[in-house]
Amino acid sequence: MNISMLRTKIHRATVTGADLDYEGSISICPDLIKESGLLINERVDIYNCNNGARFSTYVIKGGKGEICLNGAAARHVQKNDLVIICSYCGLSMEEAKKHKPSVVFVDSKNRAKEKRAESAKNNKNKK
């Protein structure tokens, strides 16, 4: 049995633009693509912290500091909204127990300020 696990996350990036007339996708700063380990054309889920919208698209290379939603996805954001960008992977139960997703925290200019690898063991409820 395989389960879906978080592979990488860019946490609370600031939307720099929304281009309804583009074919589709999310343009992401090359530095954040590299830091997070995302791949060009990789499917990602976007979670808008401002309005609660949740949708999927794919990654393309953007400009420095850019987080731009394109095509139909542009309807779900406005400039300066905060978004969480996640990709997932399928793992066996044994692989999942050892898996450590990459989590990149960014500042208001979409520059990486911290990177963490969080394992399933770190997520135990503390009482």
C-alpha atoms as a PDB file:
ATOM      1  CA  MET A   1       0.000   0.000   0.000  1.00  0.00           C
ATOM      2  CA  ASN A   2       1.226   3.506  -0.870  1.00  0.00           C
ATOM      3  CA  ILE A   3       0.182   6.667   0.919  1.00  0.00           C
ATOM      4  CA  SER A   4       0.470  10.268  -0.175  1.00  0.00           C
ATOM      5  CA  MET A   5       2.994  12.319   1.817  1.00  0.00           C
ATOM      6  CA  LEU A   6       4.124  15.924   1.691  1.00  0.00           C
ATOM      7  CA  ARG A   7       7.311  16.121  -0.398  1.00  0.00           C
ATOM      8  CA  THR A   8       8.085  19.820  -0.292  1.00  0.00           C
ATOM      9  CA  LYS A   9       6.426  23.030   0.862  1.00  0.00           C
ATOM     10  CA  ILE A  10       7.032  26.746   0.406  1.00  0.00           C
ATOM     11  CA  HIS A  11       5.300  28.341   3.388  1.00  0.00           C
ATOM     12  CA  ARG A  12       3.445  31.685   3.135  1.00  0.00           C
ATOM     13  CA  ALA A  13       4.912  33.059  -0.076  1.00  0.00           C
ATOM     14  CA  THR A  14       3.614  36.451  -1.211  1.00  0.00           C
ATOM     15  CA  VAL A  15       1.765  36.542  -4.535  1.00  0.00           C
ATOM     16  CA  THR A  16       3.441  39.074  -6.821  1.00  0.00           C
ATOM     17  CA  GLY A  17       0.976  38.791  -9.696  1.00  0.00           C
ATOM     18  CA  ALA A  18      -1.950  37.045 -11.356  1.00  0.00           C
ATOM     19  CA  ASP A  19      -2.068  36.724 -15.153  1.00  0.00           C
ATOM     20  CA  LEU A  20      -5.436  35.471 -16.363  1.00  0.00           C
ATOM     21  CA  ASP A  21      -4.372  35.508 -20.033  1.00  0.00           C
ATOM     22  CA  TYR A  22      -1.443  33.097 -19.576  1.00  0.00           C
ATOM     23  CA  GLU A  23      -2.036  29.420 -20.449  1.00  0.00           C
ATOM     24  CA  GLY A  24      -1.771  28.216 -16.869  1.00  0.00           C
ATOM     25  CA  SER A  25       0.632  27.376 -14.032  1.00  0.00           C
ATOM     26  CA  ILE A  26       2.474  29.099 -11.207  1.00  0.00           C
ATOM     27  CA  SER A  27       5.653  31.061 -11.950  1.00  0.00           C
ATOM     28  CA  ILE A  28       8.066  30.603  -9.027  1.00  0.00           C
ATOM     29  CA  CYS A  29      11.357  32.364  -8.313  1.00  0.00           C
ATOM     30  CA  PRO A  30      14.259  30.139  -9.492  1.00  0.00           C
ATOM     31  CA  ASP A  31      15.920  30.437  -6.063  1.00  0.00           C
ATOM     32  CA  LEU A  32      12.807  29.031  -4.363  1.00  0.00           C
ATOM     33  CA  ILE A  33      12.471  26.252  -6.930  1.00  0.00           C
ATOM     34  CA  LYS A  34      16.047  25.201  -6.168  1.00  0.00           C
ATOM     35  CA  GLU A  35      15.795  25.646  -2.376  1.00  0.00           C
ATOM     36  CA  SER A  36      12.546  23.674  -2.124  1.00  0.00           C
ATOM     37  CA  GLY A  37      13.534  20.927  -4.555  1.00  0.00           C
ATOM     38  CA  LEU A  38      10.511  21.483  -6.789  1.00  0.00           C
ATOM     39  CA  LEU A  39      10.786  20.444 -10.431  1.00  0.00           C
ATOM     40  CA  ILE A  40       9.689  22.363 -13.514  1.00  0.00           C
ATOM     41  CA  ASN A  41       6.252  21.025 -14.591  1.00  0.00           C
ATOM     42  CA  GLU A  42       5.705  19.343 -11.215  1.00  0.00           C
ATOM     43  CA  ARG A  43       2.105  19.377  -9.976  1.00  0.00           C
ATOM     44  CA  VAL A  44       1.600  21.525  -6.898  1.00  0.00           C
ATOM     45  CA  ASP A  45      -1.325  22.345  -4.654  1.00  0.00           C
ATOM     46  CA  ILE A  46      -1.797  25.991  -3.734  1.00  0.00           C
ATOM     47  CA  TYR A  47      -3.495  27.043  -0.487  1.00  0.00           C
ATOM     48  CA  ASN A  48      -4.470  30.721  -0.299  1.00  0.00           C
ATOM     49  CA  CYS A  49      -4.194  31.924   3.309  1.00  0.00           C
ATOM     50  CA  ASN A  50      -6.262  35.055   2.559  1.00  0.00           C
ATOM     51  CA  ASN A  51      -9.411  33.548   1.050  1.00  0.00           C
ATOM     52  CA  GLY A  52      -9.183  29.793   1.729  1.00  0.00           C
ATOM     53  CA  ALA A  53      -9.005  28.799  -1.962  1.00  0.00           C
ATOM     54  CA  ARG A  54      -7.287  25.459  -2.626  1.00  0.00           C
ATOM     55  CA  PHE A  55      -6.324  24.417  -6.151  1.00  0.00           C
ATOM     56  CA  SER A  56      -3.718  22.575  -8.224  1.00  0.00           C
ATOM     57  CA  THR A  57      -1.448  23.696 -11.043  1.00  0.00           C
ATOM     58  CA  TYR A  58       2.136  23.075 -12.195  1.00  0.00           C
ATOM     59  CA  VAL A  59       5.482  24.839 -11.724  1.00  0.00           C
ATOM     60  CA  ILE A  60       7.246  27.021 -14.279  1.00  0.00           C
ATOM     61  CA  LYS A  61      10.346  29.146 -13.782  1.00  0.00           C
ATOM     62  CA  GLY A  62       9.565  32.750 -12.853  1.00  0.00           C
ATOM     63  CA  GLY A  63      11.642  35.834 -12.245  1.00  0.00           C
ATOM     64  CA  LYS A  64      13.590  36.750  -9.121  1.00  0.00           C
ATOM     65  CA  GLY A  65      11.190  36.934  -6.140  1.00  0.00           C
ATOM     66  CA  GLU A  66       8.197  36.045  -8.329  1.00  0.00           C
ATOM     67  CA  ILE A  67       5.153  34.064  -7.276  1.00  0.00           C
ATOM     68  CA  CYS A  68       2.617  34.557 -10.076  1.00  0.00           C
ATOM     69  CA  LEU A  69      -0.535  32.521 -10.654  1.00  0.00           C
ATOM     70  CA  ASN A  70      -1.389  32.173 -14.325  1.00  0.00           C
ATOM     71  CA  GLY A  71      -4.447  31.214 -16.363  1.00  0.00           C
ATOM     72  CA  ALA A  72      -7.532  30.013 -14.510  1.00  0.00           C
ATOM     73  CA  ALA A  73      -5.567  29.886 -11.219  1.00  0.00           C
ATOM     74  CA  ALA A  74      -5.278  33.684 -11.375  1.00  0.00           C
ATOM     75  CA  ARG A  75      -8.957  33.862 -10.380  1.00  0.00           C
ATOM     76  CA  HIS A  76      -8.091  32.397  -6.955  1.00  0.00           C
ATOM     77  CA  VAL A  77      -5.538  35.012  -5.833  1.00  0.00           C
ATOM     78  CA  GLN A  78      -4.812  38.694  -5.652  1.00  0.00           C
ATOM     79  CA  LYS A  79      -1.465  40.427  -5.521  1.00  0.00           C
ATOM     80  CA  ASN A  80      -0.033  40.328  -1.954  1.00  0.00           C
ATOM     81  CA  ASP A  81      -2.071  37.268  -0.890  1.00  0.00           C
ATOM     82  CA  LEU A  82      -0.103  34.720   1.129  1.00  0.00           C
ATOM     83  CA  VAL A  83      -0.006  31.201  -0.308  1.00  0.00           C
ATOM     84  CA  ILE A  84       1.354  27.814   0.696  1.00  0.00           C
ATOM     85  CA  ILE A  85       2.768  25.783  -2.196  1.00  0.00           C
ATOM     86  CA  CYS A  86       2.948  21.993  -1.672  1.00  0.00           C
ATOM     87  CA  SER A  87       3.950  18.947  -3.643  1.00  0.00           C
ATOM     88  CA  TYR A  88       3.305  15.367  -2.598  1.00  0.00           C
ATOM     89  CA  CYS A  89       4.764  11.936  -3.290  1.00  0.00           C
ATOM     90  CA  GLY A  90       3.555   8.341  -2.972  1.00  0.00           C
ATOM     91  CA  LEU A  91       5.462   6.196  -0.491  1.00  0.00           C
ATOM     92  CA  SER A  92       5.122   2.791   1.091  1.00  0.00           C
ATOM     93  CA  MET A  93       4.306   2.754   4.817  1.00  0.00           C
ATOM     94  CA  GLU A  94       7.922   1.908   5.630  1.00  0.00           C
ATOM     95  CA  GLU A  95       9.268   4.696   3.413  1.00  0.00           C
ATOM     96  CA  ALA A  96       6.737   7.143   4.879  1.00  0.00           C
ATOM     97  CA  LYS A  97       7.949   6.488   8.428  1.00  0.00           C
ATOM     98  CA  LYS A  98      11.460   7.658   7.437  1.00  0.00           C
ATOM     99  CA  HIS A  99      10.446  10.399   4.998  1.00  0.00           C
ATOM    100  CA  LYS A 100      11.457  14.000   5.739  1.00  0.00           C
ATOM    101  CA  PRO A 101       9.757  16.610   3.566  1.00  0.00           C
ATOM    102  CA  SER A 102      11.523  19.868   2.774  1.00  0.00           C
ATOM    103  CA  VAL A 103       9.776  22.932   4.231  1.00  0.00           C
ATOM    104  CA  VAL A 104      10.985  26.380   3.123  1.00  0.00           C
ATOM    105  CA  PHE A 105       9.874  29.468   5.045  1.00  0.00           C
ATOM    106  CA  VAL A 106      10.095  32.753   3.158  1.00  0.00           C
ATOM    107  CA  ASP A 107      10.111  36.453   4.016  1.00  0.00           C
ATOM    108  CA  SER A 108       7.822  39.117   2.523  1.00  0.00           C
ATOM    109  CA  LYS A 109      10.085  39.369  -0.568  1.00  0.00           C
ATOM    110  CA  ASN A 110       9.883  35.595  -1.201  1.00  0.00           C
ATOM    111  CA  ARG A 111      13.462  34.991  -0.100  1.00  0.00           C
ATOM    112  CA  ALA A 112      14.163  31.745   1.761  1.00  0.00           C
ATOM    113  CA  LYS A 113      14.811  32.503   5.425  1.00  0.00           C
ATOM    114  CA  GLU A 114      14.682  28.992   6.896  1.00  0.00           C
ATOM    115  CA  LYS A 115      14.579  25.410   5.637  1.00  0.00           C
ATOM    116  CA  ARG A 116      13.568  22.396   7.692  1.00  0.00           C
ATOM    117  CA  ALA A 117      13.216  18.685   7.103  1.00  0.00           C
ATOM    118  CA  GLU A 118      10.308  17.447   9.200  1.00  0.00           C
ATOM    119  CA  SER A 119       9.906  13.759   9.902  1.00  0.00           C
ATOM    120  CA  ALA A 120       6.751  11.908  10.913  1.00  0.00           C
ATOM    121  CA  LYS A 121       8.355  11.379  14.317  1.00  0.00           C
ATOM    122  CA  ASN A 122       8.483  15.176  14.867  1.00  0.00           C
ATOM    123  CA  ASN A 123       4.703  15.388  14.477  1.00  0.00           C
ATOM    124  CA  LYS A 124       3.691  13.360  17.529  1.00  0.00           C
ATOM    125  CA  ASN A 125       1.147  15.054  19.781  1.00  0.00           C
ATOM    126  CA  LYS A 126       2.759  16.506  22.867  1.00  0.00           C
ATOM    127  CA  LYS A 127       0.716  16.296  26.053  1.00  0.00           C
END
